[in-house]
All heavy atoms as atom14 arrays in JSON, in Angstrom:
{
  "sequence": "TEALRQAIAHGDEDWESQLVASFYRLSKVEERLAQDQKDAASDYE",
  "atom14_mask": [
    [1, 1, 1, 1, 1, 1, 1, 0, 0, 0, 0, 0, 0, 0],
    [1, 1, 1, 1, 1, 1, 1, 1, 1, 0, 0, 0, 0, 0],
    [1, 1, 1, 1, 1, 0, 0, 0, 0, 0, 0, 0, 0, 0],
    [1, 1, 1, 1, 1, 1, 1, 1, 0, 0, 0, 0, 0, 0],
    [1, 1, 1, 1, 1, 1, 1, 1, 1, 1, 1, 0, 0, 0],
    [1, 1, 1, 1, 1, 1, 1, 1, 1, 0, 0, 0, 0, 0],
    [1, 1, 1, 1, 1, 0, 0, 0, 0, 0, 0, 0, 0, 0],
    [1, 1, 1, 1, 1, 1, 1, 1, 0, 0, 0, 0, 0, 0],
    [1, 1, 1, 1, 1, 0, 0, 0, 0, 0, 0, 0, 0, 0],
    [1, 1, 1, 1, 1, 1, 1, 1, 1, 1, 0, 0, 0, 0],
    [1, 1, 1, 1, 0, 0, 0, 0, 0, 0, 0, 0, 0, 0],
    [1, 1, 1, 1, 1, 1, 1, 1, 0, 0, 0, 0, 0, 0],
    [1, 1, 1, 1, 1, 1, 1, 1, 1, 0, 0, 0, 0, 0],
    [1, 1, 1, 1, 1, 1, 1, 1, 0, 0, 0, 0, 0, 0],
    [1, 1, 1, 1, 1, 1, 1, 1, 1, 1, 1, 1, 1, 1],
    [1, 1, 1, 1, 1, 1, 1, 1, 1, 0, 0, 0, 0, 0],
    [1, 1, 1, 1, 1, 1, 0, 0, 0, 0, 0, 0, 0, 0],
    [1, 1, 1, 1, 1, 1, 1, 1, 1, 0, 0, 0, 0, 0],
    [1, 1, 1, 1, 1, 1, 1, 1, 0, 0, 0, 0, 0, 0],
    [1, 1, 1, 1, 1, 1, 1, 0, 0, 0, 0, 0, 0, 0],
    [1, 1, 1, 1, 1, 0, 0, 0, 0, 0, 0, 0, 0, 0],
    [1, 1, 1, 1, 1, 1, 0, 0, 0, 0, 0, 0, 0, 0],
    [1, 1, 1, 1, 1, 1, 1, 1, 1, 1, 1, 0, 0, 0],
    [1, 1, 1, 1, 1, 1, 1, 1, 1, 1, 1, 1, 0, 0],
    [1, 1, 1, 1, 1, 1, 1, 1, 1, 1, 1, 0, 0, 0],
    [1, 1, 1, 1, 1, 1, 1, 1, 0, 0, 0, 0, 0, 0],
    [1, 1, 1, 1, 1, 1, 0, 0, 0, 0, 0, 0, 0, 0],
    [1, 1, 1, 1, 1, 1, 1, 1, 1, 0, 0, 0, 0, 0],
    [1, 1, 1, 1, 1, 1, 1, 0, 0, 0, 0, 0, 0, 0],
    [1, 1, 1, 1, 1, 1, 1, 1, 1, 0, 0, 0, 0, 0],
    [1, 1, 1, 1, 1, 1, 1, 1, 1, 0, 0, 0, 0, 0],
    [1, 1, 1, 1, 1, 1, 1, 1, 1, 1, 1, 0, 0, 0],
    [1, 1, 1, 1, 1, 1, 1, 1, 0, 0, 0, 0, 0, 0],
    [1, 1, 1, 1, 1, 0, 0, 0, 0, 0, 0, 0, 0, 0],
    [1, 1, 1, 1, 1, 1, 1, 1, 1, 0, 0, 0, 0, 0],
    [1, 1, 1, 1, 1, 1, 1, 1, 0, 0, 0, 0, 0, 0],
    [1, 1, 1, 1, 1, 1, 1, 1, 1, 0, 0, 0, 0, 0],
    [1, 1, 1, 1, 1, 1, 1, 1, 1, 0, 0, 0, 0, 0],
    [1, 1, 1, 1, 1, 1, 1, 1, 0, 0, 0, 0, 0, 0],
    [1, 1, 1, 1, 1, 0, 0, 0, 0, 0, 0, 0, 0, 0],
    [1, 1, 1, 1, 1, 0, 0, 0, 0, 0, 0, 0, 0, 0],
    [1, 1, 1, 1, 1, 1, 0, 0, 0, 0, 0, 0, 0, 0],
    [1, 1, 1, 1, 1, 1, 1, 1, 0, 0, 0, 0, 0, 0],
    [1, 1, 1, 1, 1, 1, 1, 1, 1, 1, 1, 1, 0, 0],
    [1, 1, 1, 1, 1, 1, 1, 1, 1, 0, 0, 0, 0, 0]
  ],
  "atom14_positions": [
    [[-18.47, 23.65, -3.0], [-19.16, 24.52, -2.08], [-20.59, 24.0, -1.79], [-21.07, 24.17, -0.65], [-19.31, 25.93, -2.74], [-19.91, 25.88, -4.05], [-17.9, 26.6, -2.8], [0.0, 0.0, 0.0], [0.0, 0.0, 0.0], [0.0, 0.0, 0.0], [0.0, 0.0, 0.0], [0.0, 0.0, 0.0], [0.0, 0.0, 0.0], [0.0, 0.0, 0.0]],
    [[-21.24, 23.33, -2.73], [-22.56, 22.74, -2.42], [-22.41, 21.63, -1.48], [-23.21, 21.47, -0.49], [-23.21, 22.28, -3.71], [-24.55, 21.56, -3.49], [-25.6, 22.39, -2.77], [-25.52, 23.59, -2.82], [-26.45, 21.78, -2.16], [0.0, 0.0, 0.0], [0.0, 0.0, 0.0], [0.0, 0.0, 0.0], [0.0, 0.0, 0.0], [0.0, 0.0, 0.0]],
    [[-21.39, 20.79, -1.64], [-21.16, 19.65, -0.73], [-20.81, 20.18, 0.67], [-21.24, 19.63, 1.66], [-20.0, 18.8, -1.29], [0.0, 0.0, 0.0], [0.0, 0.0, 0.0], [0.0, 0.0, 0.0], [0.0, 0.0, 0.0], [0.0, 0.0, 0.0], [0.0, 0.0, 0.0], [0.0, 0.0, 0.0], [0.0, 0.0, 0.0], [0.0, 0.0, 0.0]],
    [[-20.08, 21.28, 0.75], [-19.69, 21.84, 2.01], [-20.95, 22.4, 2.73], [-21.08, 22.17, 3.94], [-18.64, 22.97, 1.82], [-18.12, 23.68, 3.05], [-17.58, 22.7, 4.1], [-17.08, 24.72, 2.67], [0.0, 0.0, 0.0], [0.0, 0.0, 0.0], [0.0, 0.0, 0.0], [0.0, 0.0, 0.0], [0.0, 0.0, 0.0], [0.0, 0.0, 0.0]],
    [[-21.79, 23.06, 2.02], [-23.01, 23.56, 2.61], [-23.85, 22.4, 3.22], [-24.38, 22.53, 4.31], [-23.88, 24.29, 1.58], [-23.32, 25.66, 1.19], [-24.18, 26.38, 0.18], [-23.72, 27.71, -0.12], [-23.98, 28.75, 0.59], [-24.77, 28.65, 1.66], [-23.51, 29.98, 0.23], [0.0, 0.0, 0.0], [0.0, 0.0, 0.0], [0.0, 0.0, 0.0]],
    [[-23.95, 21.35, 2.44], [-24.76, 20.2, 2.95], [-24.04, 19.53, 4.13], [-24.71, 19.05, 5.09], [-24.98, 19.15, 1.87], [-25.85, 19.67, 0.73], [-26.28, 18.57, -0.25], [-26.34, 17.39, 0.11], [-26.59, 18.95, -1.46], [0.0, 0.0, 0.0], [0.0, 0.0, 0.0], [0.0, 0.0, 0.0], [0.0, 0.0, 0.0], [0.0, 0.0, 0.0]],
    [[-22.74, 19.49, 4.14], [-22.0, 18.88, 5.25], [-22.14, 19.69, 6.48], [-22.39, 19.1, 7.62], [-20.49, 18.8, 4.88], [0.0, 0.0, 0.0], [0.0, 0.0, 0.0], [0.0, 0.0, 0.0], [0.0, 0.0, 0.0], [0.0, 0.0, 0.0], [0.0, 0.0, 0.0], [0.0, 0.0, 0.0], [0.0, 0.0, 0.0], [0.0, 0.0, 0.0]],
    [[-22.11, 20.98, 6.41], [-22.33, 21.85, 7.58], [-23.74, 21.7, 8.17], [-23.96, 21.64, 9.39], [-22.06, 23.31, 7.22], [-20.54, 23.54, 6.96], [-22.51, 24.26, 8.31], [-20.23, 24.88, 6.4], [0.0, 0.0, 0.0], [0.0, 0.0, 0.0], [0.0, 0.0, 0.0], [0.0, 0.0, 0.0], [0.0, 0.0, 0.0], [0.0, 0.0, 0.0]],
    [[-24.7, 21.49, 7.27], [-26.09, 21.32, 7.7], [-26.34, 20.03, 8.38], [-27.16, 19.89, 9.33], [-27.03, 21.46, 6.49], [0.0, 0.0, 0.0], [0.0, 0.0, 0.0], [0.0, 0.0, 0.0], [0.0, 0.0, 0.0], [0.0, 0.0, 0.0], [0.0, 0.0, 0.0], [0.0, 0.0, 0.0], [0.0, 0.0, 0.0], [0.0, 0.0, 0.0]],
    [[-25.59, 18.95, 7.94], [-25.84, 17.58, 8.5], [-24.77, 17.13, 9.45], [-24.91, 16.08, 10.09], [-25.96, 16.61, 7.32], [-27.23, 16.79, 6.51], [-27.22, 17.68, 5.42], [-28.44, 16.28, 6.55], [-28.42, 17.65, 4.85], [-29.16, 16.79, 5.53], [0.0, 0.0, 0.0], [0.0, 0.0, 0.0], [0.0, 0.0, 0.0], [0.0, 0.0, 0.0]],
    [[-23.64, 17.85, 9.5], [-22.51, 17.34, 10.33], [-22.8, 17.26, 11.83], [-23.53, 18.1, 12.39], [0.0, 0.0, 0.0], [0.0, 0.0, 0.0], [0.0, 0.0, 0.0], [0.0, 0.0, 0.0], [0.0, 0.0, 0.0], [0.0, 0.0, 0.0], [0.0, 0.0, 0.0], [0.0, 0.0, 0.0], [0.0, 0.0, 0.0], [0.0, 0.0, 0.0]],
    [[-22.27, 16.18, 12.45], [-22.44, 16.02, 13.86], [-21.09, 16.1, 14.59], [-20.11, 16.6, 13.96], [-23.08, 14.61, 14.16], [-22.28, 13.47, 13.51], [-21.1, 13.71, 13.12], [-22.8, 12.33, 13.44], [0.0, 0.0, 0.0], [0.0, 0.0, 0.0], [0.0, 0.0, 0.0], [0.0, 0.0, 0.0], [0.0, 0.0, 0.0], [0.0, 0.0, 0.0]],
    [[-20.97, 15.65, 15.82], [-19.77, 15.79, 16.58], [-18.63, 14.96, 15.95], [-17.48, 15.32, 15.98], [-19.94, 15.43, 18.04], [-20.75, 16.44, 18.81], [-20.87, 16.07, 20.28], [-20.3, 15.04, 20.69], [-21.48, 16.87, 21.06], [0.0, 0.0, 0.0], [0.0, 0.0, 0.0], [0.0, 0.0, 0.0], [0.0, 0.0, 0.0], [0.0, 0.0, 0.0]],
    [[-19.0, 13.83, 15.41], [-17.97, 12.97, 14.72], [-17.41, 13.69, 13.54], [-16.17, 13.63, 13.28], [-18.61, 11.63, 14.27], [-18.88, 10.64, 15.41], [-18.23, 10.88, 16.5], [-19.7, 9.76, 15.28], [0.0, 0.0, 0.0], [0.0, 0.0, 0.0], [0.0, 0.0, 0.0], [0.0, 0.0, 0.0], [0.0, 0.0, 0.0], [0.0, 0.0, 0.0]],
    [[-18.19, 14.36, 12.77], [-17.73, 15.1, 11.63], [-16.79, 16.25, 12.11], [-15.72, 16.41, 11.56], [-18.93, 15.74, 10.86], [-18.51, 16.77, 9.86], [-17.9, 16.49, 8.65], [-18.71, 18.17, 9.93], [-17.68, 17.7, 7.95], [-18.16, 18.75, 8.73], [-19.27, 19.05, 10.86], [-18.19, 20.11, 8.48], [-19.28, 20.4, 10.59], [-18.77, 20.91, 9.41]],
    [[-17.16, 16.97, 13.18], [-16.34, 17.99, 13.66], [-14.98, 17.45, 14.16], [-13.91, 18.04, 13.91], [-17.01, 18.67, 14.87], [-18.15, 19.6, 14.45], [-18.74, 20.4, 15.63], [-18.16, 20.28, 16.75], [-19.69, 21.15, 15.42], [0.0, 0.0, 0.0], [0.0, 0.0, 0.0], [0.0, 0.0, 0.0], [0.0, 0.0, 0.0], [0.0, 0.0, 0.0]],
    [[-15.03, 16.31, 14.87], [-13.75, 15.75, 15.4], [-12.84, 15.29, 14.32], [-11.61, 15.51, 14.38], [-14.03, 14.63, 16.36], [-14.65, 13.53, 15.72], [0.0, 0.0, 0.0], [0.0, 0.0, 0.0], [0.0, 0.0, 0.0], [0.0, 0.0, 0.0], [0.0, 0.0, 0.0], [0.0, 0.0, 0.0], [0.0, 0.0, 0.0], [0.0, 0.0, 0.0]],
    [[-13.38, 14.74, 13.27], [-12.54, 14.3, 12.12], [-11.99, 15.49, 11.36], [-10.82, 15.54, 10.89], [-13.37, 13.42, 11.19], [-13.76, 12.06, 11.76], [-14.74, 11.31, 10.88], [-14.93, 11.64, 9.69], [-15.37, 10.32, 11.48], [0.0, 0.0, 0.0], [0.0, 0.0, 0.0], [0.0, 0.0, 0.0], [0.0, 0.0, 0.0], [0.0, 0.0, 0.0]],
    [[-12.78, 16.56, 11.3], [-12.32, 17.78, 10.65], [-11.18, 18.4, 11.46], [-10.14, 18.84, 10.9], [-13.49, 18.78, 10.48], [-13.21, 20.08, 9.78], [-12.56, 19.86, 8.42], [-14.47, 20.92, 9.66], [0.0, 0.0, 0.0], [0.0, 0.0, 0.0], [0.0, 0.0, 0.0], [0.0, 0.0, 0.0], [0.0, 0.0, 0.0], [0.0, 0.0, 0.0]],
    [[-11.31, 18.44, 12.76], [-10.26, 19.03, 13.64], [-8.98, 18.19, 13.45], [-7.87, 18.77, 13.32], [-10.7, 18.98, 15.12], [-9.53, 19.3, 16.03], [-11.82, 20.01, 15.31], [0.0, 0.0, 0.0], [0.0, 0.0, 0.0], [0.0, 0.0, 0.0], [0.0, 0.0, 0.0], [0.0, 0.0, 0.0], [0.0, 0.0, 0.0], [0.0, 0.0, 0.0]],
    [[-9.1, 16.85, 13.42], [-7.9, 16.02, 13.3], [-7.23, 16.21, 11.97], [-5.98, 16.33, 11.88], [-8.35, 14.58, 13.49], [0.0, 0.0, 0.0], [0.0, 0.0, 0.0], [0.0, 0.0, 0.0], [0.0, 0.0, 0.0], [0.0, 0.0, 0.0], [0.0, 0.0, 0.0], [0.0, 0.0, 0.0], [0.0, 0.0, 0.0], [0.0, 0.0, 0.0]],
    [[-7.98, 16.31, 10.88], [-7.4, 16.48, 9.55], [-6.76, 17.86, 9.44], [-5.71, 17.99, 8.75], [-8.44, 16.26, 8.48], [-9.46, 17.28, 8.52], [0.0, 0.0, 0.0], [0.0, 0.0, 0.0], [0.0, 0.0, 0.0], [0.0, 0.0, 0.0], [0.0, 0.0, 0.0], [0.0, 0.0, 0.0], [0.0, 0.0, 0.0], [0.0, 0.0, 0.0]],
    [[-7.34, 18.88, 10.02], [-6.76, 20.2, 9.94], [-5.46, 20.2, 10.74], [-4.46, 20.84, 10.27], [-7.71, 21.25, 10.51], [-7.14, 22.6, 10.53], [-6.91, 23.35, 9.33], [-6.84, 23.27, 11.76], [-6.37, 24.62, 9.39], [-6.27, 24.52, 11.81], [-6.03, 25.21, 10.6], [0.0, 0.0, 0.0], [0.0, 0.0, 0.0], [0.0, 0.0, 0.0]],
    [[-5.36, 19.59, 11.85], [-4.17, 19.5, 12.6], [-3.04, 18.85, 11.84], [-1.92, 19.35, 11.77], [-4.41, 18.76, 13.93], [-3.16, 18.52, 14.77], [-2.55, 19.52, 15.51], [-2.49, 17.27, 14.68], [-1.4, 19.34, 16.23], [-1.3, 17.09, 15.39], [-0.79, 18.12, 16.16], [0.39, 17.88, 16.86], [0.0, 0.0, 0.0], [0.0, 0.0, 0.0]],
    [[-3.35, 17.71, 11.19], [-2.34, 16.96, 10.43], [-1.86, 17.82, 9.25], [-0.67, 17.82, 8.85], [-2.88, 15.65, 9.96], [-3.2, 14.68, 11.11], [-3.64, 13.32, 10.58], [-2.5, 12.59, 10.0], [-2.45, 12.31, 8.71], [-3.37, 12.74, 7.86], [-1.41, 11.64, 8.22], [0.0, 0.0, 0.0], [0.0, 0.0, 0.0], [0.0, 0.0, 0.0]],
    [[-2.82, 18.49, 8.59], [-2.45, 19.38, 7.46], [-1.56, 20.53, 7.94], [-0.54, 20.9, 7.3], [-3.7, 19.94, 6.8], [-3.5, 20.9, 5.66], [-2.71, 20.31, 4.53], [-4.89, 21.45, 5.18], [0.0, 0.0, 0.0], [0.0, 0.0, 0.0], [0.0, 0.0, 0.0], [0.0, 0.0, 0.0], [0.0, 0.0, 0.0], [0.0, 0.0, 0.0]],
    [[-1.86, 21.12, 9.09], [-1.09, 22.21, 9.64], [0.37, 21.81, 9.89], [1.33, 22.58, 9.65], [-1.7, 22.75, 10.93], [-2.99, 23.22, 10.72], [0.0, 0.0, 0.0], [0.0, 0.0, 0.0], [0.0, 0.0, 0.0], [0.0, 0.0, 0.0], [0.0, 0.0, 0.0], [0.0, 0.0, 0.0], [0.0, 0.0, 0.0], [0.0, 0.0, 0.0]],
    [[0.56, 20.54, 10.38], [1.91, 20.07, 10.67], [2.75, 19.99, 9.37], [3.89, 20.38, 9.32], [1.87, 18.75, 11.39], [1.19, 18.75, 12.69], [1.71, 19.79, 13.65], [3.11, 19.38, 14.16], [3.64, 20.37, 15.17], [0.0, 0.0, 0.0], [0.0, 0.0, 0.0], [0.0, 0.0, 0.0], [0.0, 0.0, 0.0], [0.0, 0.0, 0.0]],
    [[2.15, 19.5, 8.3], [2.9, 19.35, 7.03], [3.09, 20.74, 6.37], [4.09, 20.93, 5.64], [2.26, 18.35, 6.09], [1.1, 18.96, 5.33], [3.28, 17.78, 5.09], [0.0, 0.0, 0.0], [0.0, 0.0, 0.0], [0.0, 0.0, 0.0], [0.0, 0.0, 0.0], [0.0, 0.0, 0.0], [0.0, 0.0, 0.0], [0.0, 0.0, 0.0]],
    [[2.21, 21.68, 6.65], [2.36, 22.98, 6.1], [3.57, 23.67, 6.71], [4.26, 24.49, 6.03], [1.1, 23.83, 6.34], [0.01, 23.5, 5.35], [-1.36, 24.11, 5.67], [-1.55, 24.55, 6.84], [-2.21, 24.17, 4.81], [0.0, 0.0, 0.0], [0.0, 0.0, 0.0], [0.0, 0.0, 0.0], [0.0, 0.0, 0.0], [0.0, 0.0, 0.0]],
    [[3.86, 23.35, 7.96], [5.08, 23.91, 8.61], [6.3, 23.36, 7.87], [7.29, 24.15, 7.62], [5.14, 23.49, 10.09], [4.05, 24.12, 10.95], [4.06, 23.59, 12.34], [4.96, 22.73, 12.67], [3.18, 23.93, 13.14], [0.0, 0.0, 0.0], [0.0, 0.0, 0.0], [0.0, 0.0, 0.0], [0.0, 0.0, 0.0], [0.0, 0.0, 0.0]],
    [[6.32, 22.13, 7.57], [7.42, 21.5, 6.8], [7.49, 22.08, 5.39], [8.61, 22.26, 4.85], [7.26, 19.99, 6.77], [7.48, 19.3, 8.09], [7.12, 17.79, 8.0], [7.64, 17.2, 6.79], [7.06, 16.2, 6.12], [5.89, 15.76, 6.54], [7.6, 15.67, 5.05], [0.0, 0.0, 0.0], [0.0, 0.0, 0.0], [0.0, 0.0, 0.0]],
    [[6.38, 22.36, 4.81], [6.29, 22.86, 3.42], [7.05, 24.21, 3.29], [7.75, 24.48, 2.35], [4.85, 22.99, 2.95], [4.63, 23.17, 1.46], [5.0, 21.94, 0.69], [3.16, 23.5, 1.25], [0.0, 0.0, 0.0], [0.0, 0.0, 0.0], [0.0, 0.0, 0.0], [0.0, 0.0, 0.0], [0.0, 0.0, 0.0], [0.0, 0.0, 0.0]],
    [[6.91, 25.01, 4.33], [7.57, 26.31, 4.35], [9.08, 26.19, 4.42], [9.81, 27.07, 3.94], [7.06, 27.14, 5.55], [0.0, 0.0, 0.0], [0.0, 0.0, 0.0], [0.0, 0.0, 0.0], [0.0, 0.0, 0.0], [0.0, 0.0, 0.0], [0.0, 0.0, 0.0], [0.0, 0.0, 0.0], [0.0, 0.0, 0.0], [0.0, 0.0, 0.0]],
    [[9.56, 25.06, 5.01], [11.03, 24.88, 5.17], [11.62, 24.1, 4.0], [12.71, 24.39, 3.58], [11.28, 24.14, 6.49], [10.78, 24.91, 7.73], [10.81, 24.02, 8.96], [11.21, 22.9, 8.94], [10.3, 24.6, 10.07], [0.0, 0.0, 0.0], [0.0, 0.0, 0.0], [0.0, 0.0, 0.0], [0.0, 0.0, 0.0], [0.0, 0.0, 0.0]],
    [[10.94, 23.05, 3.55], [11.47, 22.2, 2.46], [10.31, 21.81, 1.57], [9.73, 20.79, 1.72], [12.14, 21.01, 3.05], [12.94, 20.18, 2.01], [12.69, 20.44, 0.81], [13.76, 19.34, 2.38], [0.0, 0.0, 0.0], [0.0, 0.0, 0.0], [0.0, 0.0, 0.0], [0.0, 0.0, 0.0], [0.0, 0.0, 0.0], [0.0, 0.0, 0.0]],
    [[10.06, 22.69, 0.53], [8.91, 22.47, -0.34], [8.98, 21.17, -1.12], [8.03, 20.41, -1.18], [8.78, 23.63, -1.31], [7.55, 23.65, -2.17], [7.79, 22.99, -3.52], [8.89, 23.06, -4.07], [6.79, 22.35, -4.04], [0.0, 0.0, 0.0], [0.0, 0.0, 0.0], [0.0, 0.0, 0.0], [0.0, 0.0, 0.0], [0.0, 0.0, 0.0]],
    [[10.13, 20.84, -1.59], [10.3, 19.63, -2.39], [10.07, 18.33, -1.59], [9.37, 17.43, -2.02], [11.72, 19.59, -3.04], [11.92, 18.39, -3.96], [13.29, 18.46, -4.62], [13.5, 17.28, -5.6], [14.84, 17.33, -6.2], [0.0, 0.0, 0.0], [0.0, 0.0, 0.0], [0.0, 0.0, 0.0], [0.0, 0.0, 0.0], [0.0, 0.0, 0.0]],
    [[10.64, 18.33, -0.38], [10.5, 17.11, 0.46], [9.1, 16.93, 0.94], [8.63, 15.8, 1.12], [11.48, 17.23, 1.64], [11.44, 16.05, 2.55], [11.75, 14.94, 2.07], [11.07, 16.2, 3.75], [0.0, 0.0, 0.0], [0.0, 0.0, 0.0], [0.0, 0.0, 0.0], [0.0, 0.0, 0.0], [0.0, 0.0, 0.0], [0.0, 0.0, 0.0]],
    [[8.4, 17.97, 1.24], [7.07, 17.9, 1.83], [5.92, 17.89, 0.86], [4.78, 17.66, 1.28], [6.88, 19.06, 2.81], [0.0, 0.0, 0.0], [0.0, 0.0, 0.0], [0.0, 0.0, 0.0], [0.0, 0.0, 0.0], [0.0, 0.0, 0.0], [0.0, 0.0, 0.0], [0.0, 0.0, 0.0], [0.0, 0.0, 0.0], [0.0, 0.0, 0.0]],
    [[6.19, 18.09, -0.48], [5.13, 18.25, -1.42], [4.15, 17.04, -1.5], [2.92, 17.22, -1.53], [5.71, 18.52, -2.82], [0.0, 0.0, 0.0], [0.0, 0.0, 0.0], [0.0, 0.0, 0.0], [0.0, 0.0, 0.0], [0.0, 0.0, 0.0], [0.0, 0.0, 0.0], [0.0, 0.0, 0.0], [0.0, 0.0, 0.0], [0.0, 0.0, 0.0]],
    [[4.7, 15.79, -1.46], [3.87, 14.65, -1.63], [2.98, 14.48, -0.33], [1.79, 14.13, -0.43], [4.69, 13.39, -1.85], [5.3, 13.43, -3.11], [0.0, 0.0, 0.0], [0.0, 0.0, 0.0], [0.0, 0.0, 0.0], [0.0, 0.0, 0.0], [0.0, 0.0, 0.0], [0.0, 0.0, 0.0], [0.0, 0.0, 0.0], [0.0, 0.0, 0.0]],
    [[3.62, 14.68, 0.81], [2.83, 14.58, 2.06], [1.77, 15.66, 2.1], [0.63, 15.36, 2.61], [3.78, 14.7, 3.26], [4.62, 13.5, 3.49], [4.31, 12.42, 2.94], [5.61, 13.58, 4.25], [0.0, 0.0, 0.0], [0.0, 0.0, 0.0], [0.0, 0.0, 0.0], [0.0, 0.0, 0.0], [0.0, 0.0, 0.0], [0.0, 0.0, 0.0]],
    [[2.09, 16.81, 1.63], [1.13, 17.9, 1.63], [-0.05, 17.54, 0.73], [-1.22, 17.76, 1.2], [1.76, 19.19, 1.13], [0.74, 20.29, 0.85], [0.24, 21.04, 1.89], [0.21, 20.5, -0.42], [-0.77, 22.0, 1.69], [-0.77, 21.48, -0.65], [-1.24, 22.22, 0.42], [-2.2, 23.15, 0.18], [0.0, 0.0, 0.0], [0.0, 0.0, 0.0]],
    [[0.13, 16.97, -0.39], [-0.96, 16.63, -1.26], [-1.91, 15.67, -0.63], [-3.12, 15.79, -0.7], [-0.41, 16.06, -2.64], [-1.51, 15.74, -3.63], [-2.33, 16.95, -4.08], [-1.73, 18.07, -4.14], [-3.52, 16.74, -4.35], [0.0, 0.0, 0.0], [0.0, 0.0, 0.0], [0.0, 0.0, 0.0], [0.0, 0.0, 0.0], [0.0, 0.0, 0.0]]
  ]
}
């Protein structure tokens, strides 16, 4: 939480774009996780 506070205070557009991309990729594997937990567990981690 301390690291997150500092990141929000110092983050620029590059930080935002990387965060958006990582959230999108995580969302895609979360869809698979709901369907096949065993198969998607490693990718999810």
